[in-house]
Amino acid sequence: MSPRGILILGVLTLVTLTLALILGRPTGPVDTVDSEPLVPGLREMVNDIDAIVVTAADGVALASLQRDRERWLVAEKDGYEADFELVQGLLRELASGRRLEARTSNEAWHARLGVADPGVEDSAGLHLSFPGSDLPALIIGNLDATETGRFVRLLGDPQAWLSDRRLDIPASPVRWLQRAVMDIPARELSEVTIRHADGDTVILRAASEDGDDWVLMNVPDGRQAAEMWQLRPVANGLANVDLEGVRRHDQVPDEAVRALYVTRDGLNFVASLFEDDDGRWVHFSVSAEVQADADGEAVLPSIVADAAAVDARLSGWQFRLPQRKYENMTRRLEDLLRPEEA
């Protein structure tokens, strides 16, 4: 894989997508002539929508989404990037969806359908609004018994409707995020070094091109390296890195574990890993070595520019990791040795 192929997911694919794709073929039932649109006016201006706010039943904003060119950002997560396909799919469904059947207009029955106003007693639905536009807000309630679609109601209108869309909308801010951080498998690496604050160090070097075989370099005298199946997860530390949370980078504690992953293309990923009351965190910084020509002048190959671009995308954030991923990225030397014989 070339440096440009490193999957800092969302960098290269999203820039080729535009909101012009929103009005592609709908995934739900075909529109009918007699039914009304879910959100009147949305279909005509869907590509001009710059903001969406999703509010929980208690009135607390779950996701304040703001469009930034080809990206969507989540305000509740310090402006981190949203899952573009999730937002795109939601807009497509809302723009293509219809109101199939009129249900109750009695406000006393709204809570039973999940379409009561946010913040009122027994409210259970989600509230979607489109700041900066004249579009009406929509309350999305329960899935009907036949699972045809969800009950909906325009805010300020007492009439509730059965829609033709299931509208599975995340009710957690984290689920609106672009969860994939990177995916660099072991076959793309040449060396992994994990150093703990007390000096304990693990050094792994690739012994095959396919990333299946690794050598533990600093095995103490009289000891043996663990089985290969125990070494591979450590070498795959940068593979399938998915976040469980994100926050702006502030500082890394002195006792953090430092892990260096060197790619075959010459990129250096430094992962600083630590735990606090909010979970297990990693901060990444990325660099590449500057080469020199025969006269000693600095040469800046494309790998340096690639490193700068990836670092700019990652280094401003701290990512909360799943427990298993964190453990594999912070192994100690003793963890990768066979037990001592009695």
C-alpha atoms as a PDB file:
ATOM      1  CA  MET A   1       0.000   0.000   0.000  1.00  0.00           C
ATOM      2  CA  SER A   2       1.321   3.416  -0.897  1.00  0.00           C
ATOM      3  CA  PRO A   3       1.209   6.190   1.699  1.00  0.00           C
ATOM      4  CA  ARG A   4      -1.827   7.631  -0.061  1.00  0.00           C
ATOM      5  CA  GLY A   5      -3.504   4.280   0.387  1.00  0.00           C
ATOM      6  CA  ILE A   6      -3.285   4.318   4.157  1.00  0.00           C
ATOM      7  CA  LEU A   7      -6.842   4.103   5.301  1.00  0.00           C
ATOM      8  CA  ILE A   8      -7.395   7.084   7.483  1.00  0.00           C
ATOM      9  CA  LEU A   9     -11.005   6.301   6.709  1.00  0.00           C
ATOM     10  CA  GLY A  10     -13.060   9.148   5.451  1.00  0.00           C
ATOM     11  CA  VAL A  11     -10.154  11.192   4.016  1.00  0.00           C
ATOM     12  CA  LEU A  12     -10.103  10.041   0.435  1.00  0.00           C
ATOM     13  CA  THR A  13     -13.538   8.560  -0.062  1.00  0.00           C
ATOM     14  CA  LEU A  14     -15.561  11.403   1.360  1.00  0.00           C
ATOM     15  CA  VAL A  15     -14.020  14.083  -0.816  1.00  0.00           C
ATOM     16  CA  THR A  16     -15.393  12.301  -3.865  1.00  0.00           C
ATOM     17  CA  LEU A  17     -18.904  12.220  -2.486  1.00  0.00           C
ATOM     18  CA  THR A  18     -21.268  15.174  -2.663  1.00  0.00           C
ATOM     19  CA  LEU A  19     -24.730  15.803  -1.453  1.00  0.00           C
ATOM     20  CA  ALA A  20     -25.913  15.502  -5.041  1.00  0.00           C
ATOM     21  CA  LEU A  21     -26.105  11.786  -4.253  1.00  0.00           C
ATOM     22  CA  ILE A  22     -28.779  12.376  -1.665  1.00  0.00           C
ATOM     23  CA  LEU A  23     -31.642  11.930  -4.069  1.00  0.00           C
ATOM     24  CA  GLY A  24     -30.534   8.555  -5.361  1.00  0.00           C
ATOM     25  CA  ARG A  25     -32.855   5.586  -5.438  1.00  0.00           C
ATOM     26  CA  PRO A  26     -34.740   5.352  -2.122  1.00  0.00           C
ATOM     27  CA  THR A  27     -34.320   2.237  -0.007  1.00  0.00           C
ATOM     28  CA  GLY A  28     -37.914   2.170   1.240  1.00  0.00           C
ATOM     29  CA  PRO A  29     -41.272   1.754  -0.495  1.00  0.00           C
ATOM     30  CA  VAL A  30     -41.961   3.577  -3.746  1.00  0.00           C
ATOM     31  CA  ASP A  31     -43.587   6.997  -3.393  1.00  0.00           C
ATOM     32  CA  THR A  32     -47.303   7.167  -4.047  1.00  0.00           C
ATOM     33  CA  VAL A  33     -49.136   9.996  -5.765  1.00  0.00           C
ATOM     34  CA  ASP A  34     -51.675  10.605  -3.034  1.00  0.00           C
ATOM     35  CA  SER A  35     -49.353  10.591   0.008  1.00  0.00           C
ATOM     36  CA  GLU A  36     -47.725  13.698   1.433  1.00  0.00           C
ATOM     37  CA  PRO A  37     -43.954  14.092   1.908  1.00  0.00           C
ATOM     38  CA  LEU A  38     -42.506  13.513   5.363  1.00  0.00           C
ATOM     39  CA  VAL A  39     -40.957  16.979   5.450  1.00  0.00           C
ATOM     40  CA  PRO A  40     -42.644  19.346   2.975  1.00  0.00           C
ATOM     41  CA  GLY A  41     -40.072  21.183   0.881  1.00  0.00           C
ATOM     42  CA  LEU A  42     -37.080  19.043   1.854  1.00  0.00           C
ATOM     43  CA  ARG A  43     -36.825  17.183  -1.456  1.00  0.00           C
ATOM     44  CA  GLU A  44     -36.463  20.429  -3.405  1.00  0.00           C
ATOM     45  CA  MET A  45     -33.696  21.841  -1.192  1.00  0.00           C
ATOM     46  CA  VAL A  46     -32.021  18.758   0.254  1.00  0.00           C
ATOM     47  CA  ASN A  47     -28.666  19.582  -1.352  1.00  0.00           C
ATOM     48  CA  ASP A  48     -28.700  23.000   0.309  1.00  0.00           C
ATOM     49  CA  ILE A  49     -29.122  21.709   3.875  1.00  0.00           C
ATOM     50  CA  ASP A  50     -26.166  22.813   6.004  1.00  0.00           C
ATOM     51  CA  ALA A  51     -27.328  21.884   9.496  1.00  0.00           C
ATOM     52  CA  ILE A  52     -29.370  19.181  11.219  1.00  0.00           C
ATOM     53  CA  VAL A  53     -30.096  18.961  14.931  1.00  0.00           C
ATOM     54  CA  VAL A  54     -31.231  15.669  16.463  1.00  0.00           C
ATOM     55  CA  THR A  55     -32.803  16.125  19.896  1.00  0.00           C
ATOM     56  CA  ALA A  56     -33.678  13.393  22.386  1.00  0.00           C
ATOM     57  CA  ALA A  57     -37.070  13.026  24.047  1.00  0.00           C
ATOM     58  CA  ASP A  58     -35.805  14.901  27.112  1.00  0.00           C
ATOM     59  CA  GLY A  59     -34.957  17.940  25.005  1.00  0.00           C
ATOM     60  CA  VAL A  60     -31.165  17.400  25.050  1.00  0.00           C
ATOM     61  CA  ALA A  61     -29.378  17.693  21.702  1.00  0.00           C
ATOM     62  CA  LEU A  62     -27.860  14.350  20.690  1.00  0.00           C
ATOM     63  CA  ALA A  63     -26.141  15.521  17.528  1.00  0.00           C
ATOM     64  CA  SER A  64     -25.818  19.014  16.118  1.00  0.00           C
ATOM     65  CA  LEU A  65     -24.589  18.306  12.608  1.00  0.00           C
ATOM     66  CA  GLN A  66     -22.955  21.019  10.542  1.00  0.00           C
ATOM     67  CA  ARG A  67     -21.879  20.605   6.935  1.00  0.00           C
ATOM     68  CA  ASP A  68     -18.323  21.633   6.090  1.00  0.00           C
ATOM     69  CA  ARG A  69     -17.904  21.257   2.331  1.00  0.00           C
ATOM     70  CA  GLU A  70     -17.952  17.485   1.718  1.00  0.00           C
ATOM     71  CA  ARG A  71     -17.971  16.623   5.434  1.00  0.00           C
ATOM     72  CA  TRP A  72     -20.440  16.718   8.295  1.00  0.00           C
ATOM     73  CA  LEU A  73     -19.199  17.614  11.781  1.00  0.00           C
ATOM     74  CA  VAL A  74     -20.672  16.818  15.218  1.00  0.00           C
ATOM     75  CA  ALA A  75     -20.694  19.839  17.523  1.00  0.00           C
ATOM     76  CA  GLU A  76     -21.195  17.759  20.683  1.00  0.00           C
ATOM     77  CA  LYS A  77     -17.895  15.997  19.950  1.00  0.00           C
ATOM     78  CA  ASP A  78     -15.786  19.130  19.475  1.00  0.00           C
ATOM     79  CA  GLY A  79     -16.511  19.240  15.747  1.00  0.00           C
ATOM     80  CA  TYR A  80     -15.210  15.761  14.991  1.00  0.00           C
ATOM     81  CA  GLU A  81     -16.233  14.268  11.670  1.00  0.00           C
ATOM     82  CA  ALA A  82     -19.631  12.588  11.401  1.00  0.00           C
ATOM     83  CA  ASP A  83     -20.345   9.367   9.561  1.00  0.00           C
ATOM     84  CA  PHE A  84     -21.013  10.839   6.121  1.00  0.00           C
ATOM     85  CA  GLU A  85     -22.919   7.832   4.814  1.00  0.00           C
ATOM     86  CA  LEU A  86     -25.158   7.850   7.883  1.00  0.00           C
ATOM     87  CA  VAL A  87     -26.060  11.526   7.448  1.00  0.00           C
ATOM     88  CA  GLN A  88     -26.446  11.125   3.686  1.00  0.00           C
ATOM     89  CA  GLY A  89     -28.729   8.140   4.162  1.00  0.00           C
ATOM     90  CA  LEU A  90     -30.868   9.987   6.690  1.00  0.00           C
ATOM     91  CA  LEU A  91     -31.368  12.945   4.352  1.00  0.00           C
ATOM     92  CA  ARG A  92     -32.177  10.643   1.465  1.00  0.00           C
ATOM     93  CA  GLU A  93     -34.799   8.819   3.501  1.00  0.00           C
ATOM     94  CA  LEU A  94     -36.329  12.023   4.817  1.00  0.00           C
ATOM     95  CA  ALA A  95     -36.445  13.607   1.373  1.00  0.00           C
ATOM     96  CA  SER A  96     -37.973  10.551  -0.305  1.00  0.00           C
ATOM     97  CA  GLY A  97     -40.237   9.441   2.544  1.00  0.00           C
ATOM     98  CA  ARG A  98     -43.993   9.891   2.566  1.00  0.00           C
ATOM     99  CA  ARG A  99     -46.826  10.081   5.089  1.00  0.00           C
ATOM    100  CA  LEU A 100     -48.988   7.058   4.342  1.00  0.00           C
ATOM    101  CA  GLU A 101     -51.890   7.158   6.781  1.00  0.00           C
ATOM    102  CA  ALA A 102     -53.316   9.789   9.103  1.00  0.00           C
ATOM    103  CA  ARG A 103     -53.475   8.682  12.697  1.00  0.00           C
ATOM    104  CA  THR A 104     -54.553  10.562  15.818  1.00  0.00           C
ATOM    105  CA  SER A 105     -54.641  14.343  16.138  1.00  0.00           C
ATOM    106  CA  ASN A 106     -55.436  14.058  19.852  1.00  0.00           C
ATOM    107  CA  GLU A 107     -52.420  15.322  21.784  1.00  0.00           C
ATOM    108  CA  ALA A 108     -53.290  13.001  24.672  1.00  0.00           C
ATOM    109  CA  TRP A 109     -52.447  10.041  22.406  1.00  0.00           C
ATOM    110  CA  HIS A 110     -49.205  11.394  20.994  1.00  0.00           C
ATOM    111  CA  ALA A 111     -47.046   9.800  23.679  1.00  0.00           C
ATOM    112  CA  ARG A 112     -48.398   6.331  22.812  1.00  0.00           C
ATOM    113  CA  LEU A 113     -47.104   6.740  19.272  1.00  0.00           C
ATOM    114  CA  GLY A 114     -43.835   8.289  20.445  1.00  0.00           C
ATOM    115  CA  VAL A 115     -44.547  11.637  18.784  1.00  0.00           C
ATOM    116  CA  ALA A 116     -45.120  13.853  21.822  1.00  0.00           C
ATOM    117  CA  ASP A 117     -43.162  17.101  21.936  1.00  0.00           C
ATOM    118  CA  PRO A 118     -39.623  16.757  23.352  1.00  0.00           C
ATOM    119  CA  GLY A 119     -39.464  17.440  27.062  1.00  0.00           C
ATOM    120  CA  VAL A 120     -43.100  16.659  27.849  1.00  0.00           C
ATOM    121  CA  GLU A 121     -44.095  13.795  30.138  1.00  0.00           C
ATOM    122  CA  ASP A 122     -43.783  10.321  28.558  1.00  0.00           C
ATOM    123  CA  SER A 123     -42.108  11.738  25.462  1.00  0.00           C
ATOM    124  CA  ALA A 124     -40.067   9.049  23.684  1.00  0.00           C
ATOM    125  CA  GLY A 125     -39.415  10.178  20.115  1.00  0.00           C
ATOM    126  CA  LEU A 126     -36.550  11.978  18.414  1.00  0.00           C
ATOM    127  CA  HIS A 127     -36.874  15.536  17.153  1.00  0.00           C
ATOM    128  CA  LEU A 128     -35.183  16.597  13.895  1.00  0.00           C
ATOM    129  CA  SER A 129     -34.839  20.225  12.886  1.00  0.00           C
ATOM    130  CA  PHE A 130     -33.026  22.045  10.086  1.00  0.00           C
ATOM    131  CA  PRO A 131     -31.555  25.309  11.450  1.00  0.00           C
ATOM    132  CA  GLY A 132     -31.074  28.071   8.913  1.00  0.00           C
ATOM    133  CA  SER A 133     -33.955  26.887   6.736  1.00  0.00           C
ATOM    134  CA  ASP A 134     -37.722  27.331   6.644  1.00  0.00           C
ATOM    135  CA  LEU A 135     -38.312  23.590   6.798  1.00  0.00           C
ATOM    136  CA  PRO A 136     -40.593  22.298   9.561  1.00  0.00           C
ATOM    137  CA  ALA A 137     -39.160  20.160  12.340  1.00  0.00           C
ATOM    138  CA  LEU A 138     -40.146  16.492  12.447  1.00  0.00           C
ATOM    139  CA  ILE A 139     -40.812  14.269  15.457  1.00  0.00           C
ATOM    140  CA  ILE A 140     -39.998  10.625  14.779  1.00  0.00           C
ATOM    141  CA  GLY A 141     -41.851   8.147  16.971  1.00  0.00           C
ATOM    142  CA  ASN A 142     -42.324   4.407  17.372  1.00  0.00           C
ATOM    143  CA  LEU A 143     -42.141   1.737  14.699  1.00  0.00           C
ATOM    144  CA  ASP A 144     -45.633   0.506  13.941  1.00  0.00           C
ATOM    145  CA  ALA A 145     -46.688  -3.081  14.754  1.00  0.00           C
ATOM    146  CA  THR A 146     -46.343  -4.224  11.129  1.00  0.00           C
ATOM    147  CA  GLU A 147     -42.901  -2.586  10.883  1.00  0.00           C
ATOM    148  CA  THR A 148     -44.036  -0.686   7.797  1.00  0.00           C
ATOM    149  CA  GLY A 149     -42.598   2.561   9.066  1.00  0.00           C
ATOM    150  CA  ARG A 150     -42.470   4.964  11.979  1.00  0.00           C
ATOM    151  CA  PHE A 151     -45.096   7.288  13.302  1.00  0.00           C
ATOM    152  CA  VAL A 152     -44.201  10.918  12.644  1.00  0.00           C
ATOM    153  CA  ARG A 153     -45.570  14.366  13.336  1.00  0.00           C
ATOM    154  CA  LEU A 154     -44.569  17.835  12.205  1.00  0.00           C
ATOM    155  CA  LEU A 155     -43.780  20.016  15.196  1.00  0.00           C
ATOM    156  CA  GLY A 156     -46.694  22.370  15.835  1.00  0.00           C
ATOM    157  CA  ASP A 157     -49.169  20.205  13.911  1.00  0.00           C
ATOM    158  CA  PRO A 158     -51.346  17.938  16.098  1.00  0.00           C
ATOM    159  CA  GLN A 159     -51.898  15.420  13.287  1.00  0.00           C
ATOM    160  CA  ALA A 160     -49.783  12.249  13.622  1.00  0.00           C
ATOM    161  CA  TRP A 161     -49.015  10.046  10.628  1.00  0.00           C
ATOM    162  CA  LEU A 162     -47.717   6.606   9.751  1.00  0.00           C
ATOM    163  CA  SER A 163     -44.744   7.005   7.426  1.00  0.00           C
ATOM    164  CA  ASP A 164     -43.322   4.615   4.851  1.00  0.00           C
ATOM    165  CA  ARG A 165     -39.802   4.762   6.362  1.00  0.00           C
ATOM    166  CA  ARG A 166     -38.232   2.892   9.261  1.00  0.00           C
ATOM    167  CA  LEU A 167     -35.812   5.768   9.966  1.00  0.00           C
ATOM    168  CA  ASP A 168     -33.367   3.989  12.246  1.00  0.00           C
ATOM    169  CA  ILE A 169     -31.701   7.037  13.773  1.00  0.00           C
ATOM    170  CA  PRO A 170     -28.876   6.745  16.354  1.00  0.00           C
ATOM    171  CA  ALA A 171     -29.857   7.898  19.829  1.00  0.00           C
ATOM    172  CA  SER A 172     -26.239   8.278  21.002  1.00  0.00           C
ATOM    173  CA  PRO A 173     -23.830  11.089  20.015  1.00  0.00           C
ATOM    174  CA  VAL A 174     -20.958   8.624  19.550  1.00  0.00           C
ATOM    175  CA  ARG A 175     -22.898   6.636  16.974  1.00  0.00           C
ATOM    176  CA  TRP A 176     -23.061   9.710  14.734  1.00  0.00           C
ATOM    177  CA  LEU A 177     -19.259   9.811  14.510  1.00  0.00           C
ATOM    178  CA  GLN A 178     -17.028   8.401  11.807  1.00  0.00           C
ATOM    179  CA  ARG A 179     -15.949   5.483  14.004  1.00  0.00           C
ATOM    180  CA  ALA A 180     -13.117   4.148  11.813  1.00  0.00           C
ATOM    181  CA  VAL A 181      -9.841   5.924  12.573  1.00  0.00           C
ATOM    182  CA  MET A 182      -7.391   3.879  10.495  1.00  0.00           C
ATOM    183  CA  ASP A 183      -6.722   0.410   9.158  1.00  0.00           C
ATOM    184  CA  ILE A 184      -3.047  -0.430   8.646  1.00  0.00           C
ATOM    185  CA  PRO A 185      -2.574  -4.215   8.795  1.00  0.00           C
ATOM    186  CA  ALA A 186       0.631  -5.860  10.016  1.00  0.00           C
ATOM    187  CA  ARG A 187       1.730  -6.642   6.451  1.00  0.00           C
ATOM    188  CA  GLU A 188       2.210  -2.901   5.912  1.00  0.00           C
ATOM    189  CA  LEU A 189       4.602  -2.607   8.860  1.00  0.00           C
ATOM    190  CA  SER A 190       8.283  -3.431   9.244  1.00  0.00           C
ATOM    191  CA  GLU A 191       8.751  -2.865  12.988  1.00  0.00           C
ATOM    192  CA  VAL A 192       6.794  -2.257  16.190  1.00  0.00           C
ATOM    193  CA  THR A 193       8.298  -0.913  19.414  1.00  0.00           C
ATOM    194  CA  ILE A 194       6.331  -0.537  22.650  1.00  0.00           C
ATOM    195  CA  ARG A 195       8.041   1.297  25.493  1.00  0.00           C
ATOM    196  CA  HIS A 196       6.591   1.696  28.997  1.00  0.00           C
ATOM    197  CA  ALA A 197       7.470   4.516  31.366  1.00  0.00           C
ATOM    198  CA  ASP A 198       9.452   2.120  33.602  1.00  0.00           C
ATOM    199  CA  GLY A 199      11.663   1.094  30.674  1.00  0.00           C
ATOM    200  CA  ASP A 200       9.979  -2.200  29.849  1.00  0.00           C
ATOM    201  CA  THR A 201      10.259  -2.554  26.061  1.00  0.00           C
ATOM    202  CA  VAL A 202       8.850  -4.798  23.346  1.00  0.00           C
ATOM    203  CA  ILE A 203      10.501  -4.863  19.905  1.00  0.00           C
ATOM    204  CA  LEU A 204       8.905  -6.796  17.053  1.00  0.00           C
ATOM    205  CA  ARG A 205      10.270  -7.047  13.507  1.00  0.00           C
ATOM    206  CA  ALA A 206       8.552  -8.456  10.462  1.00  0.00           C
ATOM    207  CA  ALA A 207       9.896 -11.819   9.305  1.00  0.00           C
ATOM    208  CA  SER A 208       7.643 -12.209   6.266  1.00  0.00           C
ATOM    209  CA  GLU A 209       6.093 -10.020   3.611  1.00  0.00           C
ATOM    210  CA  ASP A 210       2.534 -11.099   4.386  1.00  0.00           C
ATOM    211  CA  GLY A 211       2.676  -9.937   8.009  1.00  0.00           C
ATOM    212  CA  ASP A 212       2.054 -13.416   9.433  1.00  0.00           C
ATOM    213  CA  ASP A 213       5.498 -13.961  10.930  1.00  0.00           C
ATOM    214  CA  TRP A 214       7.169 -11.670  13.464  1.00  0.00           C
ATOM    215  CA  VAL A 215      10.314 -11.914  15.556  1.00  0.00           C
ATOM    216  CA  LEU A 216      10.495 -10.738  19.162  1.00  0.00           C
ATOM    217  CA  MET A 217      13.924  -9.140  19.207  1.00  0.00           C
ATOM    218  CA  ASN A 218      14.753  -8.544  22.879  1.00  0.00           C
ATOM    219  CA  VAL A 219      14.119 -11.961  24.380  1.00  0.00           C
ATOM    220  CA  PRO A 220      16.037 -12.296  27.690  1.00  0.00           C
ATOM    221  CA  ASP A 221      18.636 -15.042  28.051  1.00  0.00           C
ATOM    222  CA  GLY A 222      17.095 -18.325  29.051  1.00  0.00           C
ATOM    223  CA  ARG A 223      13.610 -17.340  27.829  1.00  0.00           C
ATOM    224  CA  GLN A 224      11.639 -17.989  24.660  1.00  0.00           C
ATOM    225  CA  ALA A 225       9.217 -15.857  22.703  1.00  0.00           C
ATOM    226  CA  ALA A 226       5.543 -16.680  22.917  1.00  0.00           C
ATOM    227  CA  GLU A 227       3.705 -18.447  20.123  1.00  0.00           C
ATOM    228  CA  MET A 228       3.189 -16.527  16.892  1.00  0.00           C
ATOM    229  CA  TRP A 229      -0.566 -16.215  17.489  1.00  0.00           C
ATOM    230  CA  GLN A 230       0.276 -14.119  20.552  1.00  0.00           C
ATOM    231  CA  LEU A 231       2.646 -11.826  18.630  1.00  0.00           C
ATOM    232  CA  ARG A 232       0.381 -11.109  15.654  1.00  0.00           C
ATOM    233  CA  PRO A 233      -2.265  -9.081  17.553  1.00  0.00           C
ATOM    234  CA  VAL A 234       0.513  -6.768  18.763  1.00  0.00           C
ATOM    235  CA  ALA A 235       1.819  -6.319  15.227  1.00  0.00           C
ATOM    236  CA  ASN A 236      -1.745  -5.546  14.138  1.00  0.00           C
ATOM    237  CA  GLY A 237      -2.093  -2.677  16.583  1.00  0.00           C
ATOM    238  CA  LEU A 238      -2.993  -0.188  13.826  1.00  0.00           C
ATOM    239  CA  ALA A 239      -5.407  -2.540  12.048  1.00  0.00           C
ATOM    240  CA  ASN A 240      -9.123  -1.822  12.366  1.00  0.00           C
ATOM    241  CA  VAL A 241      -8.765   1.014  14.858  1.00  0.00           C
ATOM    242  CA  ASP A 242     -12.309   2.102  15.715  1.00  0.00           C
ATOM    243  CA  LEU A 243     -13.055   4.759  18.293  1.00  0.00           C
ATOM    244  CA  GLU A 244     -15.471   4.487  21.202  1.00  0.00           C
ATOM    245  CA  GLY A 245     -15.148   8.187  21.945  1.00  0.00           C
ATOM    246  CA  VAL A 246     -13.163  11.242  20.885  1.00  0.00           C
ATOM    247  CA  ARG A 247     -12.010  14.529  22.368  1.00  0.00           C
ATOM    248  CA  ARG A 248      -9.672  17.373  21.490  1.00  0.00           C
ATOM    249  CA  HIS A 249      -6.033  16.659  22.276  1.00  0.00           C
ATOM    250  CA  ASP A 250      -4.720  18.475  25.322  1.00  0.00           C
ATOM    251  CA  GLN A 251      -1.758  16.671  26.814  1.00  0.00           C
ATOM    252  CA  VAL A 252      -0.442  13.182  27.379  1.00  0.00           C
ATOM    253  CA  PRO A 253       0.622  12.121  30.897  1.00  0.00           C
ATOM    254  CA  ASP A 254       4.280  11.323  31.519  1.00  0.00           C
ATOM    255  CA  GLU A 255       3.444   7.720  32.382  1.00  0.00           C
ATOM    256  CA  ALA A 256       1.849   7.073  28.989  1.00  0.00           C
ATOM    257  CA  VAL A 257       2.969   4.050  26.986  1.00  0.00           C
ATOM    258  CA  ARG A 258       4.690   4.993  23.714  1.00  0.00           C
ATOM    259  CA  ALA A 259       4.294   2.669  20.750  1.00  0.00           C
ATOM    260  CA  LEU A 260       6.124   3.238  17.457  1.00  0.00           C
ATOM    261  CA  TYR A 261       4.808   1.626  14.272  1.00  0.00           C
ATOM    262  CA  VAL A 262       7.095   1.916  11.231  1.00  0.00           C
ATOM    263  CA  THR A 263       5.465   1.250   7.854  1.00  0.00           C
ATOM    264  CA  ARG A 264       7.299  -0.298   4.924  1.00  0.00           C
ATOM    265  CA  ASP A 265       6.722   2.976   3.060  1.00  0.00           C
ATOM    266  CA  GLY A 266       8.620   4.951   5.684  1.00  0.00           C
ATOM    267  CA  LEU A 267       5.899   6.489   7.832  1.00  0.00           C
ATOM    268  CA  ASN A 268       6.320   6.585  11.601  1.00  0.00           C
ATOM    269  CA  PHE A 269       3.160   6.363  13.712  1.00  0.00           C
ATOM    270  CA  VAL A 270       3.735   7.202  17.367  1.00  0.00           C
ATOM    271  CA  ALA A 271       0.849   6.151  19.599  1.00  0.00           C
ATOM    272  CA  SER A 272       0.755   7.538  23.148  1.00  0.00           C
ATOM    273  CA  LEU A 273      -1.562   5.414  25.252  1.00  0.00           C
ATOM    274  CA  PHE A 274      -2.931   6.083  28.735  1.00  0.00           C
ATOM    275  CA  GLU A 275      -5.964   5.585  30.957  1.00  0.00           C
ATOM    276  CA  ASP A 276      -8.004   8.053  32.977  1.00  0.00           C
ATOM    277  CA  ASP A 277     -11.458   8.226  34.554  1.00  0.00           C
ATOM    278  CA  ASP A 278     -13.064   8.494  31.105  1.00  0.00           C
ATOM    279  CA  GLY A 279     -11.512   5.389  29.581  1.00  0.00           C
ATOM    280  CA  ARG A 280      -8.516   4.152  27.596  1.00  0.00           C
ATOM    281  CA  TRP A 281      -7.088   6.709  25.189  1.00  0.00           C
ATOM    282  CA  VAL A 282      -4.595   6.991  22.368  1.00  0.00           C
ATOM    283  CA  HIS A 283      -3.034  10.022  20.702  1.00  0.00           C
ATOM    284  CA  PHE A 284      -1.313   9.634  17.331  1.00  0.00           C
ATOM    285  CA  SER A 285       1.448  11.653  15.741  1.00  0.00           C
ATOM    286  CA  VAL A 286       2.803  10.847  12.288  1.00  0.00           C
ATOM    287  CA  SER A 287       6.107  11.706  10.648  1.00  0.00           C
ATOM    288  CA  ALA A 288       8.513  10.645   7.904  1.00  0.00           C
ATOM    289  CA  GLU A 289      12.238  11.043   7.668  1.00  0.00           C
ATOM    290  CA  VAL A 290      13.573  13.778   5.404  1.00  0.00           C
ATOM    291  CA  GLN A 291      16.063  12.433   2.884  1.00  0.00           C
ATOM    292  CA  ALA A 292      19.238  14.175   1.684  1.00  0.00           C
ATOM    293  CA  ASP A 293      20.780  14.298  -1.768  1.00  0.00           C
ATOM    294  CA  ALA A 294      24.456  13.830  -2.632  1.00  0.00           C
ATOM    295  CA  ASP A 295      25.217  17.432  -1.650  1.00  0.00           C
ATOM    296  CA  GLY A 296      23.535  17.063   1.705  1.00  0.00           C
ATOM    297  CA  GLU A 297      20.541  19.144   0.683  1.00  0.00           C
ATOM    298  CA  ALA A 298      17.179  18.126   2.145  1.00  0.00           C
ATOM    299  CA  VAL A 299      14.850  16.287  -0.192  1.00  0.00           C
ATOM    300  CA  LEU A 300      11.136  16.279   0.568  1.00  0.00           C
ATOM    301  CA  PRO A 301       9.626  13.237  -1.152  1.00  0.00           C
ATOM    302  CA  SER A 302       5.883  12.717  -1.368  1.00  0.00           C
ATOM    303  CA  ILE A 303       6.012  10.522   1.743  1.00  0.00           C
ATOM    304  CA  VAL A 304       6.782  13.616   3.822  1.00  0.00           C
ATOM    305  CA  ALA A 305       3.737  15.421   2.469  1.00  0.00           C
ATOM    306  CA  ASP A 306       1.643  12.325   3.111  1.00  0.00           C
ATOM    307  CA  ALA A 307       2.888  12.173   6.693  1.00  0.00           C
ATOM    308  CA  ALA A 308       2.052  15.834   7.246  1.00  0.00           C
ATOM    309  CA  ALA A 309      -1.475  15.364   5.889  1.00  0.00           C
ATOM    310  CA  VAL A 310      -2.163  12.305   8.032  1.00  0.00           C
ATOM    311  CA  ASP A 311      -0.673  13.955  11.112  1.00  0.00           C
ATOM    312  CA  ALA A 312      -2.836  17.025  10.601  1.00  0.00           C
ATOM    313  CA  ARG A 313      -5.909  14.823  10.567  1.00  0.00           C
ATOM    314  CA  LEU A 314      -5.018  12.740  13.631  1.00  0.00           C
ATOM    315  CA  SER A 315      -2.792  14.702  15.987  1.00  0.00           C
ATOM    316  CA  GLY A 316      -5.453  17.141  17.152  1.00  0.00           C
ATOM    317  CA  TRP A 317      -7.503  14.353  18.746  1.00  0.00           C
ATOM    318  CA  GLN A 318      -7.482  11.716  21.426  1.00  0.00           C
ATOM    319  CA  PHE A 319      -9.431   8.538  20.664  1.00  0.00           C
ATOM    320  CA  ARG A 320     -11.012   6.263  23.246  1.00  0.00           C
ATOM    321  CA  LEU A 321     -10.209   2.645  22.382  1.00  0.00           C
ATOM    322  CA  PRO A 322     -11.958  -0.664  23.045  1.00  0.00           C
ATOM    323  CA  GLN A 323     -10.309  -2.629  25.834  1.00  0.00           C
ATOM    324  CA  ARG A 324      -8.897  -5.412  23.661  1.00  0.00           C
ATOM    325  CA  LYS A 325      -7.306  -2.998  21.181  1.00  0.00           C
ATOM    326  CA  TYR A 326      -5.771  -0.965  24.010  1.00  0.00           C
ATOM    327  CA  GLU A 327      -4.347  -4.093  25.643  1.00  0.00           C
ATOM    328  CA  ASN A 328      -2.743  -5.292  22.404  1.00  0.00           C
ATOM    329  CA  MET A 329      -1.101  -1.884  21.898  1.00  0.00           C
ATOM    330  CA  THR A 330       0.337  -1.800  25.448  1.00  0.00           C
ATOM    331  CA  ARG A 331       1.703  -5.300  25.906  1.00  0.00           C
ATOM    332  CA  ARG A 332       4.722  -5.804  28.153  1.00  0.00           C
ATOM    333  CA  LEU A 333       7.687  -8.005  27.330  1.00  0.00           C
ATOM    334  CA  GLU A 334       6.621 -10.627  29.863  1.00  0.00           C
ATOM    335  CA  ASP A 335       3.257 -10.902  28.092  1.00  0.00           C
ATOM    336  CA  LEU A 336       5.052 -12.063  24.934  1.00  0.00           C
ATOM    337  CA  LEU A 337       7.332 -14.641  26.548  1.00  0.00           C
ATOM    338  CA  ARG A 338       6.638 -18.283  27.254  1.00  0.00           C
ATOM    339  CA  PRO A 339       6.211 -19.052  30.959  1.00  0.00           C
ATOM    340  CA  GLU A 340       9.407 -19.867  32.787  1.00  0.00           C
ATOM    341  CA  GLU A 341       9.936 -23.524  33.428  1.00  0.00           C
ATOM    342  CA  ALA A 342       9.707 -24.554  37.067  1.00  0.00           C
END
